[in-house]
Amino acid sequence: MSTDTRIKDSNYYFDWLEKSISEKRLKYHDYSEFKNLQLIGNSSFGNIVRANWKNDNDFVTLKSFNNDTKILKNVVEELKLYRNVDNHENILQFYGITKLETEYSLVMEYSDDFLTLNNYLNKHFEELDWCDKYQLALQLASAVEFMHDCDIIHHNLVI
């Protein structure tokens, strides 16, 4: 891929993001709406931060990403998919987007073990009885079935 093509692709995804925000297809939250920011991990996109909404104590997750073309393309594709699945009780809710200087972050529902189901199971497996494990399996299957019904395949489902 030539440098010109990469720049063109990067501009396309950046422009899509900016246009979606300006046309209010993506809800934008000013970064000042968040307080008590705490780094809780990293993803392939960037940092994962736990924060509170400024006016209450509810937690959200801020999942940052930079303007790297490959990352930006993946984020835009993820955002397009979220529009179809954000109404399922077993899928973390997407609340919008925020920006600190030049770095964007997805604003998402907070989960104590946000990083992976594998982290949760490694930490709590012995505490769970078979009924709990069965319920987790049903919830996971329900979410995956819902995504498949929306013609979405979760490419990095790791347990």
N, C-alpha and C. Protein backbone atom coordinates (compact mmCIF):
# COMPACT_ATOMS: atom_id res chain seq x y z
N MET A 1 0.85 -1.17 0.00
CA MET A 1 0.00 0.00 0.00
C MET A 1 0.90 1.24 0.00
N SER A 2 0.62 2.16 -0.90
CA SER A 2 1.44 3.37 -0.99
C SER A 2 1.15 4.30 0.19
N THR A 3 2.08 5.22 0.43
CA THR A 3 1.90 6.21 1.50
C THR A 3 0.67 7.05 1.24
N ASP A 4 0.44 7.43 -0.03
CA ASP A 4 -0.75 8.23 -0.38
C ASP A 4 -2.04 7.51 -0.04
N THR A 5 -2.09 6.20 -0.32
CA THR A 5 -3.29 5.41 -0.03
C THR A 5 -3.53 5.33 1.47
N ARG A 6 -2.45 5.13 2.27
CA ARG A 6 -2.59 5.07 3.73
C ARG A 6 -3.09 6.40 4.28
N ILE A 7 -2.56 7.51 3.75
CA ILE A 7 -3.00 8.83 4.20
C ILE A 7 -4.46 9.03 3.82
N LYS A 8 -4.84 8.64 2.62
CA LYS A 8 -6.22 8.78 2.16
C LYS A 8 -7.16 7.96 3.05
N ASP A 9 -6.76 6.70 3.35
CA ASP A 9 -7.57 5.85 4.23
C ASP A 9 -7.69 6.47 5.61
N SER A 10 -6.58 6.95 6.15
CA SER A 10 -6.58 7.57 7.46
C SER A 10 -7.51 8.77 7.48
N ASN A 11 -7.44 9.60 6.44
CA ASN A 11 -8.33 10.75 6.35
C ASN A 11 -9.79 10.32 6.27
N TYR A 12 -10.07 9.25 5.52
CA TYR A 12 -11.44 8.77 5.40
C TYR A 12 -12.01 8.42 6.78
N TYR A 13 -11.28 7.65 7.57
CA TYR A 13 -11.79 7.20 8.87
C TYR A 13 -11.84 8.35 9.87
N PHE A 14 -10.84 9.21 9.84
CA PHE A 14 -10.86 10.38 10.70
C PHE A 14 -12.03 11.28 10.33
N ASP A 15 -12.23 11.51 9.03
CA ASP A 15 -13.35 12.35 8.57
C ASP A 15 -14.69 11.72 8.94
N TRP A 16 -14.81 10.38 8.83
CA TRP A 16 -16.05 9.70 9.19
C TRP A 16 -16.35 9.94 10.66
N LEU A 17 -15.33 9.81 11.48
CA LEU A 17 -15.49 10.00 12.92
C LEU A 17 -15.92 11.44 13.23
N GLU A 18 -15.20 12.41 12.68
CA GLU A 18 -15.53 13.81 12.92
C GLU A 18 -16.93 14.16 12.41
N LYS A 19 -17.29 13.66 11.24
CA LYS A 19 -18.61 13.93 10.66
C LYS A 19 -19.71 13.29 11.51
N SER A 20 -19.47 12.08 11.99
CA SER A 20 -20.46 11.39 12.83
C SER A 20 -20.70 12.14 14.13
N ILE A 21 -19.65 12.74 14.67
CA ILE A 21 -19.79 13.54 15.89
C ILE A 21 -20.54 14.83 15.57
N SER A 22 -20.13 15.52 14.52
CA SER A 22 -20.76 16.82 14.20
C SER A 22 -22.22 16.65 13.80
N GLU A 23 -22.56 15.53 13.17
CA GLU A 23 -23.95 15.28 12.77
C GLU A 23 -24.75 14.57 13.87
N LYS A 24 -24.10 14.39 15.02
CA LYS A 24 -24.72 13.80 16.20
C LYS A 24 -25.19 12.35 15.99
N ARG A 25 -24.51 11.65 15.08
CA ARG A 25 -24.74 10.21 14.94
C ARG A 25 -23.97 9.46 16.02
N LEU A 26 -22.94 10.10 16.55
CA LEU A 26 -22.21 9.61 17.72
C LEU A 26 -22.34 10.68 18.79
N LYS A 27 -22.71 10.24 20.00
CA LYS A 27 -22.83 11.20 21.10
C LYS A 27 -21.43 11.58 21.57
N TYR A 28 -21.22 12.88 21.67
CA TYR A 28 -19.93 13.38 22.12
C TYR A 28 -20.03 13.85 23.57
N HIS A 29 -19.08 13.43 24.39
CA HIS A 29 -18.99 13.85 25.79
C HIS A 29 -17.71 14.64 25.96
N ASP A 30 -17.81 15.84 26.48
CA ASP A 30 -16.62 16.63 26.76
C ASP A 30 -15.81 15.91 27.83
N TYR A 31 -14.49 15.91 27.68
CA TYR A 31 -13.62 15.19 28.61
C TYR A 31 -13.77 15.68 30.04
N SER A 32 -14.19 16.93 30.18
CA SER A 32 -14.37 17.49 31.53
C SER A 32 -15.56 16.88 32.26
N GLU A 33 -16.37 16.08 31.58
CA GLU A 33 -17.50 15.41 32.21
C GLU A 33 -17.07 14.24 33.10
N PHE A 34 -15.78 13.89 33.05
CA PHE A 34 -15.28 12.73 33.78
C PHE A 34 -14.33 13.15 34.90
N LYS A 35 -14.33 12.37 35.98
CA LYS A 35 -13.45 12.63 37.12
C LYS A 35 -12.93 11.29 37.65
N ASN A 36 -11.97 11.34 38.54
CA ASN A 36 -11.41 10.15 39.18
C ASN A 36 -10.92 9.12 38.17
N LEU A 37 -10.17 9.56 37.18
CA LEU A 37 -9.66 8.68 36.14
C LEU A 37 -8.58 7.77 36.70
N GLN A 38 -8.71 6.47 36.38
CA GLN A 38 -7.75 5.48 36.88
C GLN A 38 -7.45 4.48 35.76
N LEU A 39 -6.18 4.37 35.38
CA LEU A 39 -5.77 3.41 34.37
C LEU A 39 -6.01 2.00 34.90
N ILE A 40 -6.75 1.19 34.14
CA ILE A 40 -7.02 -0.19 34.58
C ILE A 40 -6.47 -1.23 33.64
N GLY A 41 -5.94 -0.80 32.47
CA GLY A 41 -5.38 -1.77 31.55
C GLY A 41 -5.11 -1.18 30.19
N ASN A 42 -4.77 -2.08 29.27
CA ASN A 42 -4.49 -1.70 27.89
C ASN A 42 -5.22 -2.65 26.96
N SER A 43 -5.57 -2.15 25.79
CA SER A 43 -6.14 -2.99 24.75
C SER A 43 -5.29 -2.82 23.51
N SER A 44 -5.67 -3.47 22.44
CA SER A 44 -4.92 -3.31 21.20
C SER A 44 -5.06 -1.90 20.66
N PHE A 45 -6.08 -1.16 21.09
CA PHE A 45 -6.29 0.21 20.65
C PHE A 45 -5.47 1.21 21.46
N GLY A 46 -5.40 1.02 22.78
CA GLY A 46 -4.74 1.98 23.65
C GLY A 46 -5.07 1.70 25.10
N ASN A 47 -5.09 2.74 25.92
CA ASN A 47 -5.34 2.59 27.36
C ASN A 47 -6.82 2.39 27.66
N ILE A 48 -7.06 1.69 28.76
CA ILE A 48 -8.42 1.53 29.29
C ILE A 48 -8.43 2.19 30.66
N VAL A 49 -9.33 3.16 30.82
CA VAL A 49 -9.39 3.98 32.03
C VAL A 49 -10.77 3.87 32.64
N ARG A 50 -10.83 3.72 33.95
CA ARG A 50 -12.10 3.78 34.68
C ARG A 50 -12.28 5.22 35.14
N ALA A 51 -13.50 5.72 35.01
CA ALA A 51 -13.78 7.10 35.42
C ALA A 51 -15.20 7.18 35.96
N ASN A 52 -15.47 8.26 36.66
CA ASN A 52 -16.83 8.57 37.10
C ASN A 52 -17.37 9.69 36.22
N TRP A 53 -18.69 9.66 36.00
CA TRP A 53 -19.33 10.84 35.44
C TRP A 53 -19.15 11.94 36.47
N LYS A 54 -18.92 13.15 36.05
CA LYS A 54 -18.62 14.26 36.96
C LYS A 54 -19.75 14.52 37.95
N ASN A 55 -21.00 14.33 37.55
CA ASN A 55 -22.13 14.70 38.40
C ASN A 55 -22.73 13.55 39.19
N ASP A 56 -22.12 12.37 39.12
CA ASP A 56 -22.59 11.25 39.95
C ASP A 56 -21.44 10.27 40.16
N ASN A 57 -21.71 9.18 40.81
CA ASN A 57 -20.64 8.22 41.11
C ASN A 57 -20.65 7.00 40.20
N ASP A 58 -21.47 7.01 39.15
CA ASP A 58 -21.49 5.88 38.23
C ASP A 58 -20.18 5.80 37.45
N PHE A 59 -19.66 4.59 37.33
CA PHE A 59 -18.42 4.38 36.59
C PHE A 59 -18.70 4.21 35.11
N VAL A 60 -17.75 4.62 34.29
CA VAL A 60 -17.72 4.33 32.87
C VAL A 60 -16.30 3.88 32.53
N THR A 61 -16.14 3.31 31.38
CA THR A 61 -14.83 2.94 30.88
C THR A 61 -14.51 3.83 29.69
N LEU A 62 -13.32 4.39 29.69
CA LEU A 62 -12.83 5.17 28.57
C LEU A 62 -11.75 4.33 27.88
N LYS A 63 -12.00 3.95 26.65
CA LYS A 63 -11.12 3.09 25.89
C LYS A 63 -10.46 3.95 24.80
N SER A 64 -9.22 4.37 25.04
CA SER A 64 -8.58 5.34 24.15
C SER A 64 -8.03 4.68 22.89
N PHE A 65 -7.87 5.51 21.86
CA PHE A 65 -7.24 5.07 20.63
C PHE A 65 -6.62 6.28 19.95
N ASN A 66 -5.59 6.04 19.16
CA ASN A 66 -4.95 7.15 18.45
C ASN A 66 -5.37 7.15 16.99
N ASN A 67 -4.78 8.03 16.21
CA ASN A 67 -5.18 8.19 14.82
C ASN A 67 -4.41 7.31 13.86
N ASP A 68 -3.75 6.27 14.35
CA ASP A 68 -3.09 5.31 13.48
C ASP A 68 -4.14 4.72 12.54
N THR A 69 -3.83 4.64 11.25
CA THR A 69 -4.80 4.24 10.24
C THR A 69 -5.45 2.89 10.55
N LYS A 70 -4.66 1.89 10.88
CA LYS A 70 -5.21 0.55 11.14
C LYS A 70 -6.12 0.56 12.37
N ILE A 71 -5.68 1.24 13.42
CA ILE A 71 -6.49 1.32 14.64
C ILE A 71 -7.77 2.10 14.37
N LEU A 72 -7.63 3.24 13.69
CA LEU A 72 -8.79 4.08 13.39
C LEU A 72 -9.80 3.33 12.55
N LYS A 73 -9.32 2.56 11.59
CA LYS A 73 -10.22 1.75 10.75
C LYS A 73 -10.98 0.74 11.63
N ASN A 74 -10.27 0.06 12.52
CA ASN A 74 -10.92 -0.92 13.41
C ASN A 74 -11.93 -0.26 14.34
N VAL A 75 -11.60 0.92 14.85
CA VAL A 75 -12.51 1.63 15.73
C VAL A 75 -13.77 2.03 14.98
N VAL A 76 -13.61 2.57 13.78
CA VAL A 76 -14.78 2.98 12.99
C VAL A 76 -15.66 1.76 12.69
N GLU A 77 -15.05 0.65 12.32
CA GLU A 77 -15.83 -0.57 12.06
C GLU A 77 -16.55 -1.03 13.32
N GLU A 78 -15.87 -0.95 14.48
CA GLU A 78 -16.49 -1.32 15.75
C GLU A 78 -17.67 -0.40 16.07
N LEU A 79 -17.50 0.88 15.82
CA LEU A 79 -18.59 1.83 16.07
C LEU A 79 -19.79 1.56 15.19
N LYS A 80 -19.55 1.22 13.95
CA LYS A 80 -20.65 0.89 13.03
C LYS A 80 -21.41 -0.34 13.53
N LEU A 81 -20.68 -1.30 14.07
CA LEU A 81 -21.31 -2.52 14.59
C LEU A 81 -22.10 -2.25 15.87
N TYR A 82 -21.54 -1.39 16.74
CA TYR A 82 -22.21 -1.09 18.01
C TYR A 82 -23.62 -0.54 17.81
N ARG A 83 -23.81 0.17 16.71
CA ARG A 83 -25.14 0.73 16.46
C ARG A 83 -26.19 -0.37 16.34
N ASN A 84 -25.77 -1.58 15.96
CA ASN A 84 -26.70 -2.69 15.78
C ASN A 84 -26.88 -3.56 17.02
N VAL A 85 -25.96 -3.49 17.97
CA VAL A 85 -26.02 -4.43 19.09
C VAL A 85 -26.06 -3.78 20.46
N ASP A 86 -26.20 -2.47 20.53
CA ASP A 86 -26.09 -1.82 21.83
C ASP A 86 -27.35 -1.92 22.67
N ASN A 87 -28.29 -2.74 22.27
CA ASN A 87 -29.51 -2.89 23.06
C ASN A 87 -29.67 -4.29 23.65
N HIS A 88 -28.59 -5.02 23.77
CA HIS A 88 -28.64 -6.36 24.36
C HIS A 88 -28.07 -6.31 25.77
N GLU A 89 -28.76 -6.91 26.72
CA GLU A 89 -28.36 -6.80 28.13
C GLU A 89 -27.01 -7.43 28.45
N ASN A 90 -26.51 -8.33 27.61
CA ASN A 90 -25.23 -8.98 27.89
C ASN A 90 -24.08 -8.42 27.05
N ILE A 91 -24.30 -7.29 26.41
CA ILE A 91 -23.26 -6.63 25.64
C ILE A 91 -23.04 -5.26 26.27
N LEU A 92 -21.77 -4.95 26.57
CA LEU A 92 -21.47 -3.67 27.20
C LEU A 92 -22.00 -2.52 26.34
N GLN A 93 -22.64 -1.58 26.99
CA GLN A 93 -23.26 -0.46 26.29
C GLN A 93 -22.22 0.57 25.86
N PHE A 94 -22.45 1.13 24.70
CA PHE A 94 -21.62 2.20 24.16
C PHE A 94 -22.35 3.51 24.40
N TYR A 95 -21.72 4.44 25.13
CA TYR A 95 -22.36 5.71 25.47
C TYR A 95 -21.96 6.87 24.56
N GLY A 96 -20.85 6.74 23.87
CA GLY A 96 -20.42 7.83 23.00
C GLY A 96 -18.91 7.89 22.91
N ILE A 97 -18.44 9.09 22.63
CA ILE A 97 -17.01 9.28 22.40
C ILE A 97 -16.58 10.58 23.08
N THR A 98 -15.31 10.63 23.47
CA THR A 98 -14.74 11.84 24.06
C THR A 98 -13.35 12.03 23.48
N LYS A 99 -12.77 13.19 23.76
CA LYS A 99 -11.46 13.48 23.19
C LYS A 99 -10.65 14.32 24.18
N LEU A 100 -9.41 13.90 24.39
CA LEU A 100 -8.46 14.67 25.18
C LEU A 100 -7.33 15.04 24.25
N GLU A 101 -7.20 16.33 23.97
CA GLU A 101 -6.23 16.84 23.00
C GLU A 101 -6.45 16.15 21.66
N THR A 102 -5.55 15.29 21.21
CA THR A 102 -5.74 14.64 19.91
C THR A 102 -6.15 13.18 20.03
N GLU A 103 -6.35 12.69 21.25
CA GLU A 103 -6.66 11.27 21.45
C GLU A 103 -8.13 11.07 21.79
N TYR A 104 -8.79 10.28 20.98
CA TYR A 104 -10.19 9.95 21.21
C TYR A 104 -10.29 8.77 22.17
N SER A 105 -11.46 8.66 22.83
CA SER A 105 -11.77 7.50 23.66
C SER A 105 -13.22 7.13 23.46
N LEU A 106 -13.47 5.82 23.41
CA LEU A 106 -14.84 5.33 23.44
C LEU A 106 -15.31 5.42 24.88
N VAL A 107 -16.54 5.86 25.10
CA VAL A 107 -17.13 5.91 26.44
C VAL A 107 -18.09 4.74 26.52
N MET A 108 -17.79 3.78 27.42
CA MET A 108 -18.56 2.55 27.48
C MET A 108 -19.00 2.22 28.90
N GLU A 109 -19.97 1.33 28.97
CA GLU A 109 -20.41 0.81 30.26
C GLU A 109 -19.22 0.21 30.98
N TYR A 110 -19.15 0.40 32.27
CA TYR A 110 -18.04 -0.13 33.06
C TYR A 110 -18.38 -1.54 33.54
N SER A 111 -17.39 -2.40 33.51
CA SER A 111 -17.48 -3.73 34.07
C SER A 111 -16.24 -3.93 34.93
N ASP A 112 -16.42 -4.50 36.13
CA ASP A 112 -15.28 -4.70 37.03
C ASP A 112 -14.12 -5.42 36.37
N ASP A 113 -14.42 -6.36 35.53
CA ASP A 113 -13.38 -7.13 34.85
C ASP A 113 -13.49 -6.88 33.36
N PHE A 114 -13.37 -5.61 32.98
CA PHE A 114 -13.60 -5.16 31.62
C PHE A 114 -12.71 -5.84 30.60
N LEU A 115 -11.50 -6.17 30.97
CA LEU A 115 -10.54 -6.59 29.96
C LEU A 115 -10.98 -7.84 29.21
N THR A 116 -11.26 -8.95 29.89
CA THR A 116 -11.72 -10.16 29.19
C THR A 116 -12.51 -11.04 30.17
N LEU A 117 -13.36 -11.86 29.59
CA LEU A 117 -14.05 -12.87 30.38
C LEU A 117 -13.04 -13.81 31.01
N ASN A 118 -11.95 -14.05 30.29
CA ASN A 118 -10.89 -14.91 30.81
C ASN A 118 -10.33 -14.36 32.13
N ASN A 119 -10.11 -13.04 32.20
CA ASN A 119 -9.64 -12.43 33.45
C ASN A 119 -10.63 -12.69 34.57
N TYR A 120 -11.90 -12.49 34.28
CA TYR A 120 -12.94 -12.69 35.29
C TYR A 120 -12.93 -14.14 35.78
N LEU A 121 -12.91 -15.09 34.85
CA LEU A 121 -12.95 -16.50 35.24
C LEU A 121 -11.69 -16.90 35.99
N ASN A 122 -10.53 -16.40 35.58
CA ASN A 122 -9.30 -16.70 36.31
C ASN A 122 -9.37 -16.21 37.74
N LYS A 123 -10.01 -15.07 37.94
CA LYS A 123 -10.09 -14.46 39.25
C LYS A 123 -11.18 -15.07 40.14
N HIS A 124 -12.29 -15.51 39.53
CA HIS A 124 -13.46 -15.90 40.32
C HIS A 124 -13.94 -17.35 40.10
N PHE A 125 -13.25 -18.13 39.29
CA PHE A 125 -13.77 -19.44 38.90
C PHE A 125 -14.09 -20.33 40.10
N GLU A 126 -13.22 -20.36 41.08
CA GLU A 126 -13.42 -21.23 42.25
C GLU A 126 -14.61 -20.78 43.10
N GLU A 127 -14.95 -19.50 43.04
CA GLU A 127 -16.09 -18.97 43.81
C GLU A 127 -17.43 -19.31 43.17
N LEU A 128 -17.41 -19.63 41.89
CA LEU A 128 -18.65 -19.85 41.15
C LEU A 128 -19.13 -21.29 41.31
N ASP A 129 -20.41 -21.46 41.59
CA ASP A 129 -20.96 -22.82 41.60
C ASP A 129 -21.42 -23.13 40.17
N TRP A 130 -21.89 -24.37 39.97
CA TRP A 130 -22.26 -24.78 38.62
C TRP A 130 -23.44 -23.97 38.07
N CYS A 131 -24.31 -23.52 38.91
CA CYS A 131 -25.43 -22.69 38.47
C CYS A 131 -24.91 -21.35 37.92
N ASP A 132 -23.95 -20.75 38.64
CA ASP A 132 -23.34 -19.51 38.16
C ASP A 132 -22.64 -19.71 36.81
N LYS A 133 -21.90 -20.81 36.70
CA LYS A 133 -21.17 -21.09 35.46
C LYS A 133 -22.15 -21.33 34.31
N TYR A 134 -23.25 -22.01 34.60
CA TYR A 134 -24.29 -22.25 33.60
C TYR A 134 -24.89 -20.92 33.15
N GLN A 135 -25.18 -20.02 34.10
CA GLN A 135 -25.75 -18.71 33.77
C GLN A 135 -24.78 -17.88 32.92
N LEU A 136 -23.50 -17.92 33.25
CA LEU A 136 -22.50 -17.21 32.43
C LEU A 136 -22.48 -17.75 31.01
N ALA A 137 -22.52 -19.08 30.88
CA ALA A 137 -22.52 -19.70 29.56
C ALA A 137 -23.76 -19.29 28.77
N LEU A 138 -24.92 -19.27 29.42
CA LEU A 138 -26.16 -18.84 28.75
C LEU A 138 -26.08 -17.38 28.31
N GLN A 139 -25.56 -16.52 29.17
CA GLN A 139 -25.43 -15.10 28.83
C GLN A 139 -24.49 -14.89 27.65
N LEU A 140 -23.38 -15.61 27.67
CA LEU A 140 -22.42 -15.51 26.58
C LEU A 140 -23.04 -16.01 25.27
N ALA A 141 -23.70 -17.16 25.34
CA ALA A 141 -24.34 -17.72 24.15
C ALA A 141 -25.43 -16.79 23.62
N SER A 142 -26.19 -16.18 24.53
CA SER A 142 -27.24 -15.24 24.13
C SER A 142 -26.65 -14.03 23.41
N ALA A 143 -25.56 -13.48 23.93
CA ALA A 143 -24.92 -12.32 23.30
C ALA A 143 -24.35 -12.69 21.93
N VAL A 144 -23.69 -13.83 21.84
CA VAL A 144 -23.11 -14.26 20.56
C VAL A 144 -24.22 -14.55 19.55
N GLU A 145 -25.29 -15.20 19.98
CA GLU A 145 -26.42 -15.46 19.08
C GLU A 145 -27.02 -14.15 18.57
N PHE A 146 -27.18 -13.18 19.46
CA PHE A 146 -27.72 -11.88 19.08
C PHE A 146 -26.82 -11.22 18.03
N MET A 147 -25.50 -11.26 18.27
CA MET A 147 -24.58 -10.68 17.29
C MET A 147 -24.68 -11.41 15.95
N HIS A 148 -24.76 -12.73 15.98
CA HIS A 148 -24.88 -13.50 14.74
C HIS A 148 -26.17 -13.17 14.01
N ASP A 149 -27.26 -12.96 14.76
CA ASP A 149 -28.53 -12.56 14.15
C ASP A 149 -28.42 -11.20 13.47
N CYS A 150 -27.46 -10.38 13.92
CA CYS A 150 -27.20 -9.06 13.32
C CYS A 150 -26.10 -9.16 12.26
N ASP A 151 -25.75 -10.39 11.87
CA ASP A 151 -24.69 -10.64 10.89
C ASP A 151 -23.32 -10.13 11.33
N ILE A 152 -23.04 -10.26 12.63
CA ILE A 152 -21.76 -9.85 13.19
C ILE A 152 -21.07 -11.07 13.77
N ILE A 153 -19.81 -11.22 13.43
CA ILE A 153 -19.00 -12.30 13.99
C ILE A 153 -17.97 -11.64 14.90
N HIS A 154 -17.94 -12.07 16.17
CA HIS A 154 -16.97 -11.53 17.13
C HIS A 154 -15.65 -12.23 16.86
N HIS A 155 -14.67 -11.48 16.35
CA HIS A 155 -13.42 -12.09 15.90
C HIS A 155 -12.43 -12.42 17.01
N ASN A 156 -12.54 -11.81 18.17
CA ASN A 156 -11.55 -12.08 19.21
C ASN A 156 -12.20 -12.49 20.51
N LEU A 157 -13.18 -13.36 20.42
CA LEU A 157 -13.83 -13.88 21.61
C LEU A 157 -12.87 -14.85 22.28
N VAL A 158 -12.34 -14.44 23.41
CA VAL A 158 -11.32 -15.23 24.12
C VAL A 158 -11.87 -15.58 25.50
N ILE A 159 -11.81 -16.84 25.84
CA ILE A 159 -12.25 -17.27 27.16
C ILE A 159 -11.08 -17.84 27.91
